[in-house]
Amino acid sequence: GAITLGPFVFSRGEMSEVTKNHEAIHWQQYIETGIIGFVLLYFLYWVIGLIKYRDGQKAYYQIPFEQEAYENHEDMEYCLTRKRYQWYRRSI
């Protein structure tokens, strides 16, 4: 696993191409929302999911940012063809 914090990606080991692409999708989301906006929205979606599901892992997978990244991380062309705010379209 890895985590993207702003323009930085942290990983315990070497990342697969799929993981790199997953994190690149998150970077595009950061660009759309701003770093602070991304962190605040991510946390808000997670808390809402935690209240709704009472399960941290389920809450994590319901975050629109993660849904977009997981659904598209195997498509290596996704970041080149992705329409802006795709994560938002999932939350409405």
N, C-alpha and C. Protein backbone atom coordinates (compact mmCIF):
# COMPACT_ATOMS: atom_id res chain seq x y z
N GLY A 1 0.81 -1.19 0.00
CA GLY A 1 0.00 0.00 0.00
C GLY A 1 0.85 1.25 0.00
N ALA A 2 0.22 2.33 -0.31
CA ALA A 2 0.89 3.62 -0.37
C ALA A 2 -0.11 4.70 0.05
N ILE A 3 0.42 5.88 0.30
CA ILE A 3 -0.43 7.03 0.62
C ILE A 3 0.14 8.25 -0.08
N THR A 4 -0.76 9.05 -0.63
CA THR A 4 -0.38 10.29 -1.28
C THR A 4 -0.75 11.44 -0.36
N LEU A 5 0.23 12.26 -0.04
CA LEU A 5 0.00 13.47 0.75
C LEU A 5 0.53 14.64 -0.06
N GLY A 6 -0.39 15.32 -0.71
CA GLY A 6 0.02 16.39 -1.62
C GLY A 6 0.80 15.77 -2.77
N PRO A 7 1.92 16.38 -3.14
CA PRO A 7 2.69 15.86 -4.27
C PRO A 7 3.60 14.69 -3.90
N PHE A 8 3.53 14.23 -2.65
CA PHE A 8 4.42 13.18 -2.18
C PHE A 8 3.67 11.85 -2.01
N VAL A 9 4.31 10.78 -2.45
CA VAL A 9 3.75 9.44 -2.29
C VAL A 9 4.69 8.66 -1.37
N PHE A 10 4.12 8.07 -0.33
CA PHE A 10 4.89 7.29 0.63
C PHE A 10 4.47 5.82 0.53
N SER A 11 5.48 4.96 0.54
CA SER A 11 5.22 3.52 0.43
C SER A 11 6.26 2.78 1.26
N ARG A 12 5.87 1.67 1.83
CA ARG A 12 6.81 0.86 2.61
C ARG A 12 7.82 0.14 1.72
N GLY A 13 7.43 -0.12 0.52
CA GLY A 13 8.32 -0.84 -0.40
C GLY A 13 8.12 -0.31 -1.80
N GLU A 14 8.65 -1.04 -2.75
CA GLU A 14 8.50 -0.65 -4.15
C GLU A 14 7.04 -0.78 -4.56
N MET A 15 6.57 0.18 -5.32
CA MET A 15 5.17 0.19 -5.74
C MET A 15 5.00 -0.46 -7.11
N SER A 16 3.92 -1.20 -7.26
CA SER A 16 3.57 -1.75 -8.56
C SER A 16 3.08 -0.62 -9.46
N GLU A 17 2.99 -0.89 -10.74
CA GLU A 17 2.48 0.11 -11.68
C GLU A 17 1.02 0.45 -11.35
N VAL A 18 0.26 -0.53 -10.92
CA VAL A 18 -1.14 -0.30 -10.55
C VAL A 18 -1.21 0.65 -9.36
N THR A 19 -0.37 0.42 -8.35
CA THR A 19 -0.36 1.31 -7.18
C THR A 19 0.08 2.71 -7.57
N LYS A 20 1.09 2.82 -8.42
CA LYS A 20 1.53 4.15 -8.88
C LYS A 20 0.38 4.86 -9.59
N ASN A 21 -0.36 4.14 -10.40
CA ASN A 21 -1.49 4.73 -11.12
C ASN A 21 -2.60 5.14 -10.15
N HIS A 22 -2.87 4.30 -9.15
CA HIS A 22 -3.86 4.62 -8.12
C HIS A 22 -3.50 5.94 -7.44
N GLU A 23 -2.23 6.08 -7.08
CA GLU A 23 -1.78 7.30 -6.40
C GLU A 23 -1.77 8.49 -7.36
N ALA A 24 -1.51 8.26 -8.64
CA ALA A 24 -1.57 9.35 -9.63
C ALA A 24 -3.00 9.87 -9.77
N ILE A 25 -3.97 8.98 -9.67
CA ILE A 25 -5.38 9.40 -9.69
C ILE A 25 -5.65 10.29 -8.49
N HIS A 26 -5.14 9.89 -7.31
CA HIS A 26 -5.31 10.74 -6.13
C HIS A 26 -4.65 12.10 -6.33
N TRP A 27 -3.49 12.14 -6.99
CA TRP A 27 -2.83 13.43 -7.22
C TRP A 27 -3.72 14.34 -8.07
N GLN A 28 -4.38 13.80 -9.07
CA GLN A 28 -5.29 14.61 -9.88
C GLN A 28 -6.45 15.12 -9.03
N GLN A 29 -6.91 14.29 -8.10
CA GLN A 29 -7.98 14.73 -7.19
C GLN A 29 -7.48 15.86 -6.29
N TYR A 30 -6.24 15.76 -5.83
CA TYR A 30 -5.64 16.82 -5.02
C TYR A 30 -5.61 18.13 -5.81
N ILE A 31 -5.22 18.06 -7.07
CA ILE A 31 -5.13 19.26 -7.91
C ILE A 31 -6.50 19.92 -8.02
N GLU A 32 -7.55 19.12 -8.14
CA GLU A 32 -8.91 19.66 -8.27
C GLU A 32 -9.43 20.29 -6.98
N THR A 33 -9.06 19.75 -5.85
CA THR A 33 -9.65 20.20 -4.58
C THR A 33 -8.70 21.04 -3.75
N GLY A 34 -7.43 21.07 -4.12
CA GLY A 34 -6.42 21.69 -3.26
C GLY A 34 -6.04 20.69 -2.18
N ILE A 35 -4.85 20.82 -1.67
CA ILE A 35 -4.37 19.85 -0.70
C ILE A 35 -5.23 19.85 0.56
N ILE A 36 -5.52 21.02 1.09
CA ILE A 36 -6.34 21.09 2.31
C ILE A 36 -7.76 20.60 2.02
N GLY A 37 -8.31 20.99 0.88
CA GLY A 37 -9.65 20.55 0.50
C GLY A 37 -9.74 19.04 0.39
N PHE A 38 -8.73 18.43 -0.22
CA PHE A 38 -8.73 16.98 -0.36
C PHE A 38 -8.73 16.30 1.00
N VAL A 39 -7.82 16.74 1.86
CA VAL A 39 -7.71 16.12 3.19
C VAL A 39 -9.01 16.28 3.97
N LEU A 40 -9.59 17.48 3.94
CA LEU A 40 -10.84 17.72 4.67
C LEU A 40 -11.99 16.87 4.11
N LEU A 41 -12.13 16.86 2.78
CA LEU A 41 -13.21 16.07 2.17
C LEU A 41 -13.01 14.58 2.42
N TYR A 42 -11.78 14.12 2.30
CA TYR A 42 -11.48 12.70 2.51
C TYR A 42 -11.89 12.30 3.93
N PHE A 43 -11.47 13.11 4.90
CA PHE A 43 -11.80 12.83 6.30
C PHE A 43 -13.31 12.89 6.52
N LEU A 44 -13.97 13.88 5.94
CA LEU A 44 -15.42 14.02 6.09
C LEU A 44 -16.15 12.80 5.53
N TYR A 45 -15.79 12.39 4.31
CA TYR A 45 -16.41 11.21 3.71
C TYR A 45 -16.16 9.97 4.56
N TRP A 46 -14.96 9.86 5.13
CA TRP A 46 -14.64 8.69 5.95
C TRP A 46 -15.48 8.69 7.23
N VAL A 47 -15.59 9.85 7.88
CA VAL A 47 -16.39 9.93 9.11
C VAL A 47 -17.86 9.61 8.82
N ILE A 48 -18.39 10.16 7.74
CA ILE A 48 -19.78 9.86 7.36
C ILE A 48 -19.95 8.35 7.14
N GLY A 49 -19.00 7.75 6.43
CA GLY A 49 -19.05 6.30 6.20
C GLY A 49 -18.93 5.52 7.50
N LEU A 50 -18.09 5.99 8.40
CA LEU A 50 -17.92 5.31 9.69
C LEU A 50 -19.21 5.34 10.50
N ILE A 51 -19.88 6.49 10.49
CA ILE A 51 -21.17 6.60 11.19
C ILE A 51 -22.20 5.68 10.53
N LYS A 52 -22.21 5.70 9.20
CA LYS A 52 -23.20 4.92 8.45
C LYS A 52 -22.98 3.41 8.57
N TYR A 53 -21.72 2.97 8.43
CA TYR A 53 -21.43 1.54 8.37
C TYR A 53 -20.86 0.96 9.67
N ARG A 54 -20.36 1.82 10.54
CA ARG A 54 -19.72 1.39 11.79
C ARG A 54 -18.58 0.39 11.52
N ASP A 55 -17.88 0.63 10.44
CA ASP A 55 -16.80 -0.25 10.00
C ASP A 55 -15.80 0.61 9.24
N GLY A 56 -14.59 0.75 9.78
CA GLY A 56 -13.58 1.62 9.18
C GLY A 56 -13.19 1.23 7.77
N GLN A 57 -13.08 -0.07 7.51
CA GLN A 57 -12.70 -0.52 6.17
C GLN A 57 -13.81 -0.25 5.17
N LYS A 58 -15.04 -0.52 5.56
CA LYS A 58 -16.18 -0.25 4.67
C LYS A 58 -16.27 1.25 4.39
N ALA A 59 -16.05 2.06 5.44
CA ALA A 59 -16.08 3.52 5.29
C ALA A 59 -15.01 3.97 4.29
N TYR A 60 -13.82 3.38 4.38
CA TYR A 60 -12.71 3.70 3.48
C TYR A 60 -13.09 3.44 2.02
N TYR A 61 -13.68 2.28 1.76
CA TYR A 61 -14.02 1.93 0.38
C TYR A 61 -15.21 2.72 -0.16
N GLN A 62 -15.94 3.42 0.70
CA GLN A 62 -17.05 4.25 0.26
C GLN A 62 -16.65 5.69 -0.02
N ILE A 63 -15.42 6.05 0.26
CA ILE A 63 -14.93 7.40 -0.02
C ILE A 63 -14.89 7.57 -1.54
N PRO A 64 -15.55 8.59 -2.09
CA PRO A 64 -15.58 8.76 -3.55
C PRO A 64 -14.19 8.82 -4.19
N PHE A 65 -13.22 9.41 -3.52
CA PHE A 65 -11.85 9.46 -4.05
C PHE A 65 -11.30 8.04 -4.24
N GLU A 66 -11.55 7.18 -3.26
CA GLU A 66 -11.06 5.80 -3.34
C GLU A 66 -11.84 5.00 -4.37
N GLN A 67 -13.14 5.22 -4.46
CA GLN A 67 -13.94 4.49 -5.45
C GLN A 67 -13.42 4.77 -6.85
N GLU A 68 -13.17 6.04 -7.15
CA GLU A 68 -12.64 6.37 -8.48
C GLU A 68 -11.28 5.72 -8.70
N ALA A 69 -10.40 5.83 -7.71
CA ALA A 69 -9.04 5.29 -7.87
C ALA A 69 -9.06 3.77 -8.02
N TYR A 70 -9.81 3.08 -7.19
CA TYR A 70 -9.86 1.61 -7.29
C TYR A 70 -10.51 1.14 -8.58
N GLU A 71 -11.54 1.82 -9.03
CA GLU A 71 -12.23 1.39 -10.26
C GLU A 71 -11.39 1.61 -11.51
N ASN A 72 -10.38 2.47 -11.43
CA ASN A 72 -9.63 2.83 -12.63
C ASN A 72 -8.12 2.61 -12.55
N HIS A 73 -7.61 2.11 -11.44
CA HIS A 73 -6.15 2.05 -11.29
C HIS A 73 -5.47 1.04 -12.21
N GLU A 74 -6.20 0.12 -12.79
CA GLU A 74 -5.59 -0.81 -13.74
C GLU A 74 -5.54 -0.27 -15.17
N ASP A 75 -6.24 0.83 -15.41
CA ASP A 75 -6.25 1.48 -16.72
C ASP A 75 -5.12 2.51 -16.75
N MET A 76 -4.00 2.14 -17.35
CA MET A 76 -2.82 2.99 -17.33
C MET A 76 -2.97 4.27 -18.15
N GLU A 77 -4.02 4.36 -18.94
CA GLU A 77 -4.29 5.57 -19.72
C GLU A 77 -5.31 6.48 -19.01
N TYR A 78 -5.84 6.03 -17.89
CA TYR A 78 -6.93 6.75 -17.23
C TYR A 78 -6.58 8.21 -16.91
N CYS A 79 -5.41 8.45 -16.38
CA CYS A 79 -5.03 9.82 -16.01
C CYS A 79 -4.93 10.73 -17.23
N LEU A 80 -4.72 10.15 -18.40
CA LEU A 80 -4.63 10.94 -19.62
C LEU A 80 -6.01 11.26 -20.21
N THR A 81 -6.99 10.43 -19.91
CA THR A 81 -8.32 10.60 -20.50
C THR A 81 -9.39 10.99 -19.48
N ARG A 82 -9.02 11.01 -18.23
CA ARG A 82 -9.95 11.27 -17.12
C ARG A 82 -10.57 12.66 -17.24
N LYS A 83 -11.89 12.71 -17.03
CA LYS A 83 -12.58 14.00 -16.97
C LYS A 83 -12.45 14.53 -15.55
N ARG A 84 -12.39 15.84 -15.44
CA ARG A 84 -12.24 16.46 -14.12
C ARG A 84 -13.42 16.12 -13.21
N TYR A 85 -13.14 16.06 -11.94
CA TYR A 85 -14.14 15.87 -10.87
C TYR A 85 -14.91 14.56 -10.99
N GLN A 86 -14.28 13.53 -11.50
CA GLN A 86 -14.95 12.23 -11.58
C GLN A 86 -15.31 11.70 -10.20
N TRP A 87 -14.49 11.99 -9.21
CA TRP A 87 -14.80 11.56 -7.84
C TRP A 87 -16.10 12.19 -7.36
N TYR A 88 -16.36 13.44 -7.75
CA TYR A 88 -17.55 14.16 -7.29
C TYR A 88 -18.81 13.55 -7.89
N ARG A 89 -18.73 13.11 -9.11
CA ARG A 89 -19.89 12.52 -9.77
C ARG A 89 -20.38 11.28 -9.01
N ARG A 90 -19.51 10.65 -8.23
CA ARG A 90 -19.87 9.47 -7.45
C ARG A 90 -20.59 9.85 -6.17
N SER A 91 -20.37 11.06 -5.70
CA SER A 91 -20.89 11.45 -4.38
C SER A 91 -22.26 12.10 -4.46
N ILE A 92 -22.77 12.34 -5.68
CA ILE A 92 -24.08 12.98 -5.80
C ILE A 92 -25.12 12.00 -6.28
